[in-house]
Amino acid sequence: MLVCALLMGYSDLIATNEILQRGMGELNPFMRFTQEWLGEWWLVAKLGLTYLMMWLLWRGKSERQMAYVVAFIATPVYNNLFILAGSN
């Protein structure tokens, strides 16, 4: 589950970066603020949140709850892929 969480965080980072390179913006207001405030360093904050989530998952007691969290982390990745597919 931890590897899946890391892969989802990395996939979200790559997909978000591709969306930004195509001239579209971030939909998440928290991440939009982070991008405006930190500039190019927003990537560090995004990866930091991914590692924080992995640490919390590692401390989790139930595999079912961990699976729910990983599925929740995957939601922005799927959304980004739909946005990228619609922009072509």
N, C-alpha and C. Protein backbone atom coordinates (compact mmCIF):
# COMPACT_ATOMS: atom_id res chain seq x y z
N MET A 1 0.82 -1.19 0.00
CA MET A 1 0.00 0.00 0.00
C MET A 1 0.87 1.26 0.00
N LEU A 2 1.98 1.20 0.71
CA LEU A 2 2.85 2.37 0.76
C LEU A 2 3.44 2.69 -0.61
N VAL A 3 3.80 1.67 -1.35
CA VAL A 3 4.34 1.89 -2.70
C VAL A 3 3.26 2.47 -3.60
N CYS A 4 2.04 1.98 -3.47
CA CYS A 4 0.93 2.53 -4.25
C CYS A 4 0.70 4.00 -3.91
N ALA A 5 0.78 4.35 -2.64
CA ALA A 5 0.62 5.75 -2.24
C ALA A 5 1.71 6.61 -2.84
N LEU A 6 2.94 6.12 -2.83
CA LEU A 6 4.05 6.86 -3.43
C LEU A 6 3.84 7.02 -4.93
N LEU A 7 3.44 5.96 -5.61
CA LEU A 7 3.20 6.03 -7.05
C LEU A 7 2.06 6.99 -7.40
N MET A 8 1.02 7.00 -6.59
CA MET A 8 -0.09 7.92 -6.83
C MET A 8 0.35 9.37 -6.61
N GLY A 9 1.13 9.61 -5.58
CA GLY A 9 1.64 10.97 -5.34
C GLY A 9 2.53 11.44 -6.47
N TYR A 10 3.40 10.57 -6.94
CA TYR A 10 4.30 10.92 -8.04
C TYR A 10 3.50 11.12 -9.34
N SER A 11 2.52 10.25 -9.58
CA SER A 11 1.68 10.39 -10.78
C SER A 11 0.89 11.70 -10.75
N ASP A 12 0.40 12.06 -9.58
CA ASP A 12 -0.31 13.33 -9.45
C ASP A 12 0.62 14.50 -9.74
N LEU A 13 1.82 14.42 -9.25
CA LEU A 13 2.81 15.47 -9.49
C LEU A 13 3.11 15.62 -10.98
N ILE A 14 3.34 14.52 -11.67
CA ILE A 14 3.65 14.55 -13.10
C ILE A 14 2.46 15.05 -13.90
N ALA A 15 1.27 14.55 -13.60
CA ALA A 15 0.08 14.96 -14.34
C ALA A 15 -0.24 16.44 -14.10
N THR A 16 -0.10 16.90 -12.87
CA THR A 16 -0.34 18.31 -12.57
C THR A 16 0.66 19.19 -13.29
N ASN A 17 1.89 18.78 -13.32
CA ASN A 17 2.92 19.54 -14.01
C ASN A 17 2.61 19.62 -15.51
N GLU A 18 2.14 18.54 -16.09
CA GLU A 18 1.78 18.54 -17.51
C GLU A 18 0.60 19.48 -17.77
N ILE A 19 -0.37 19.48 -16.88
CA ILE A 19 -1.52 20.39 -17.01
C ILE A 19 -1.05 21.84 -16.96
N LEU A 20 -0.14 22.14 -16.02
CA LEU A 20 0.37 23.50 -15.90
C LEU A 20 1.18 23.91 -17.13
N GLN A 21 1.92 22.97 -17.70
CA GLN A 21 2.70 23.29 -18.91
C GLN A 21 1.80 23.55 -20.11
N ARG A 22 0.61 23.00 -20.10
CA ARG A 22 -0.34 23.23 -21.20
C ARG A 22 -1.13 24.52 -21.01
N GLY A 23 -0.82 25.25 -19.96
CA GLY A 23 -1.46 26.55 -19.75
C GLY A 23 -2.72 26.52 -18.92
N MET A 24 -3.09 25.36 -18.42
CA MET A 24 -4.27 25.27 -17.55
C MET A 24 -3.82 25.49 -16.11
N GLY A 25 -4.76 25.65 -15.21
CA GLY A 25 -4.42 25.95 -13.83
C GLY A 25 -4.77 24.82 -12.88
N GLU A 26 -4.34 24.98 -11.68
CA GLU A 26 -4.62 24.03 -10.59
C GLU A 26 -6.02 24.28 -10.08
N LEU A 27 -6.80 23.21 -9.90
CA LEU A 27 -8.17 23.34 -9.40
C LEU A 27 -8.23 23.34 -7.88
N ASN A 28 -7.29 22.68 -7.23
CA ASN A 28 -7.26 22.61 -5.77
C ASN A 28 -6.79 23.96 -5.23
N PRO A 29 -7.64 24.66 -4.47
CA PRO A 29 -7.25 26.00 -3.99
C PRO A 29 -6.02 25.98 -3.08
N PHE A 30 -5.84 24.94 -2.27
CA PHE A 30 -4.67 24.85 -1.41
C PHE A 30 -3.40 24.73 -2.24
N MET A 31 -3.42 23.86 -3.23
CA MET A 31 -2.22 23.69 -4.07
C MET A 31 -2.00 24.91 -4.96
N ARG A 32 -3.07 25.57 -5.40
CA ARG A 32 -2.92 26.80 -6.18
C ARG A 32 -2.21 27.87 -5.35
N PHE A 33 -2.62 28.01 -4.09
CA PHE A 33 -1.97 28.96 -3.19
C PHE A 33 -0.50 28.58 -2.99
N THR A 34 -0.25 27.28 -2.82
CA THR A 34 1.13 26.80 -2.64
C THR A 34 1.97 27.11 -3.87
N GLN A 35 1.41 26.94 -5.05
CA GLN A 35 2.14 27.23 -6.28
C GLN A 35 2.44 28.72 -6.41
N GLU A 36 1.47 29.55 -6.04
CA GLU A 36 1.70 31.00 -6.10
C GLU A 36 2.71 31.45 -5.06
N TRP A 37 2.65 30.85 -3.88
CA TRP A 37 3.51 31.28 -2.78
C TRP A 37 4.93 30.77 -2.93
N LEU A 38 5.09 29.49 -3.35
CA LEU A 38 6.41 28.89 -3.42
C LEU A 38 7.02 28.90 -4.82
N GLY A 39 6.24 29.23 -5.82
CA GLY A 39 6.76 29.22 -7.18
C GLY A 39 7.14 27.81 -7.61
N GLU A 40 8.32 27.66 -8.17
CA GLU A 40 8.77 26.35 -8.65
C GLU A 40 8.98 25.34 -7.52
N TRP A 41 9.09 25.82 -6.30
CA TRP A 41 9.33 24.93 -5.17
C TRP A 41 8.06 24.24 -4.68
N TRP A 42 6.93 24.45 -5.34
CA TRP A 42 5.70 23.79 -4.93
C TRP A 42 5.84 22.28 -5.03
N LEU A 43 6.75 21.82 -5.90
CA LEU A 43 6.97 20.38 -6.04
C LEU A 43 7.44 19.76 -4.73
N VAL A 44 8.26 20.49 -4.00
CA VAL A 44 8.76 19.99 -2.71
C VAL A 44 7.60 19.84 -1.72
N ALA A 45 6.71 20.82 -1.69
CA ALA A 45 5.56 20.75 -0.79
C ALA A 45 4.65 19.57 -1.17
N LYS A 46 4.47 19.36 -2.46
CA LYS A 46 3.62 18.26 -2.93
C LYS A 46 4.23 16.92 -2.53
N LEU A 47 5.52 16.75 -2.74
CA LEU A 47 6.17 15.50 -2.34
C LEU A 47 6.19 15.35 -0.82
N GLY A 48 6.34 16.46 -0.10
CA GLY A 48 6.30 16.41 1.36
C GLY A 48 4.96 15.90 1.86
N LEU A 49 3.88 16.35 1.23
CA LEU A 49 2.55 15.86 1.61
C LEU A 49 2.40 14.38 1.28
N THR A 50 2.99 13.95 0.18
CA THR A 50 2.95 12.53 -0.17
C THR A 50 3.68 11.70 0.87
N TYR A 51 4.87 12.15 1.29
CA TYR A 51 5.62 11.41 2.31
C TYR A 51 4.91 11.44 3.66
N LEU A 52 4.26 12.54 3.99
CA LEU A 52 3.47 12.60 5.22
C LEU A 52 2.35 11.58 5.17
N MET A 53 1.68 11.49 4.04
CA MET A 53 0.59 10.53 3.89
C MET A 53 1.12 9.09 4.00
N MET A 54 2.29 8.85 3.43
CA MET A 54 2.88 7.51 3.54
C MET A 54 3.23 7.18 4.99
N TRP A 55 3.72 8.15 5.72
CA TRP A 55 4.05 7.92 7.13
C TRP A 55 2.78 7.61 7.92
N LEU A 56 1.72 8.35 7.65
CA LEU A 56 0.46 8.08 8.34
C LEU A 56 -0.08 6.71 7.98
N LEU A 57 0.05 6.32 6.72
CA LEU A 57 -0.40 4.99 6.32
C LEU A 57 0.42 3.90 7.00
N TRP A 58 1.71 4.13 7.12
CA TRP A 58 2.59 3.15 7.75
C TRP A 58 2.17 2.91 9.20
N ARG A 59 1.67 3.94 9.84
CA ARG A 59 1.23 3.82 11.22
C ARG A 59 -0.20 3.28 11.34
N GLY A 60 -0.87 3.12 10.20
CA GLY A 60 -2.25 2.64 10.21
C GLY A 60 -2.35 1.22 10.71
N LYS A 61 -3.52 0.89 11.20
CA LYS A 61 -3.73 -0.42 11.80
C LYS A 61 -4.54 -1.36 10.90
N SER A 62 -5.27 -0.82 9.99
CA SER A 62 -6.15 -1.64 9.17
C SER A 62 -5.77 -1.52 7.70
N GLU A 63 -5.62 -2.67 7.05
CA GLU A 63 -5.31 -2.65 5.62
C GLU A 63 -6.48 -2.08 4.82
N ARG A 64 -7.67 -2.32 5.29
CA ARG A 64 -8.86 -1.78 4.60
C ARG A 64 -8.84 -0.26 4.63
N GLN A 65 -8.54 0.33 5.77
CA GLN A 65 -8.46 1.79 5.85
C GLN A 65 -7.34 2.32 4.98
N MET A 66 -6.22 1.60 4.93
CA MET A 66 -5.11 2.01 4.08
C MET A 66 -5.54 1.99 2.61
N ALA A 67 -6.30 0.98 2.23
CA ALA A 67 -6.77 0.88 0.84
C ALA A 67 -7.71 2.04 0.51
N TYR A 68 -8.55 2.43 1.46
CA TYR A 68 -9.43 3.58 1.23
C TYR A 68 -8.62 4.86 1.02
N VAL A 69 -7.59 5.03 1.82
CA VAL A 69 -6.76 6.23 1.70
C VAL A 69 -6.03 6.25 0.36
N VAL A 70 -5.50 5.12 -0.06
CA VAL A 70 -4.81 5.04 -1.35
C VAL A 70 -5.80 5.33 -2.48
N ALA A 71 -7.01 4.81 -2.39
CA ALA A 71 -8.02 5.11 -3.40
C ALA A 71 -8.35 6.61 -3.41
N PHE A 72 -8.40 7.22 -2.23
CA PHE A 72 -8.65 8.65 -2.15
C PHE A 72 -7.51 9.45 -2.78
N ILE A 73 -6.27 9.00 -2.57
CA ILE A 73 -5.12 9.66 -3.17
C ILE A 73 -5.13 9.51 -4.69
N ALA A 74 -5.69 8.41 -5.18
CA ALA A 74 -5.73 8.17 -6.62
C ALA A 74 -6.76 9.06 -7.33
N THR A 75 -7.72 9.60 -6.62
CA THR A 75 -8.77 10.40 -7.24
C THR A 75 -8.24 11.59 -8.02
N PRO A 76 -7.31 12.42 -7.48
CA PRO A 76 -6.80 13.53 -8.27
C PRO A 76 -6.02 13.07 -9.52
N VAL A 77 -5.39 11.91 -9.43
CA VAL A 77 -4.65 11.40 -10.59
C VAL A 77 -5.63 11.11 -11.72
N TYR A 78 -6.72 10.42 -11.40
CA TYR A 78 -7.72 10.13 -12.42
C TYR A 78 -8.33 11.41 -12.98
N ASN A 79 -8.59 12.37 -12.12
CA ASN A 79 -9.13 13.65 -12.56
C ASN A 79 -8.17 14.34 -13.52
N ASN A 80 -6.88 14.35 -13.17
CA ASN A 80 -5.88 14.97 -14.04
C ASN A 80 -5.80 14.27 -15.39
N LEU A 81 -5.90 12.94 -15.37
CA LEU A 81 -5.85 12.20 -16.64
C LEU A 81 -7.06 12.52 -17.51
N PHE A 82 -8.23 12.68 -16.90
CA PHE A 82 -9.43 13.06 -17.67
C PHE A 82 -9.25 14.46 -18.26
N ILE A 83 -8.68 15.37 -17.48
CA ILE A 83 -8.44 16.73 -17.98
C ILE A 83 -7.46 16.70 -19.14
N LEU A 84 -6.38 15.95 -19.00
CA LEU A 84 -5.40 15.85 -20.07
C LEU A 84 -5.98 15.21 -21.33
N ALA A 85 -6.81 14.20 -21.15
CA ALA A 85 -7.42 13.53 -22.30
C ALA A 85 -8.40 14.47 -23.01
N GLY A 86 -9.10 15.31 -22.25
CA GLY A 86 -10.04 16.24 -22.85
C GLY A 86 -9.39 17.44 -23.51
N SER A 87 -8.12 17.69 -23.19
CA SER A 87 -7.46 18.87 -23.74
C SER A 87 -6.86 18.60 -25.12
N ASN A 88 -6.83 17.36 -25.55
CA ASN A 88 -6.24 17.04 -26.86
C ASN A 88 -7.21 17.26 -27.96
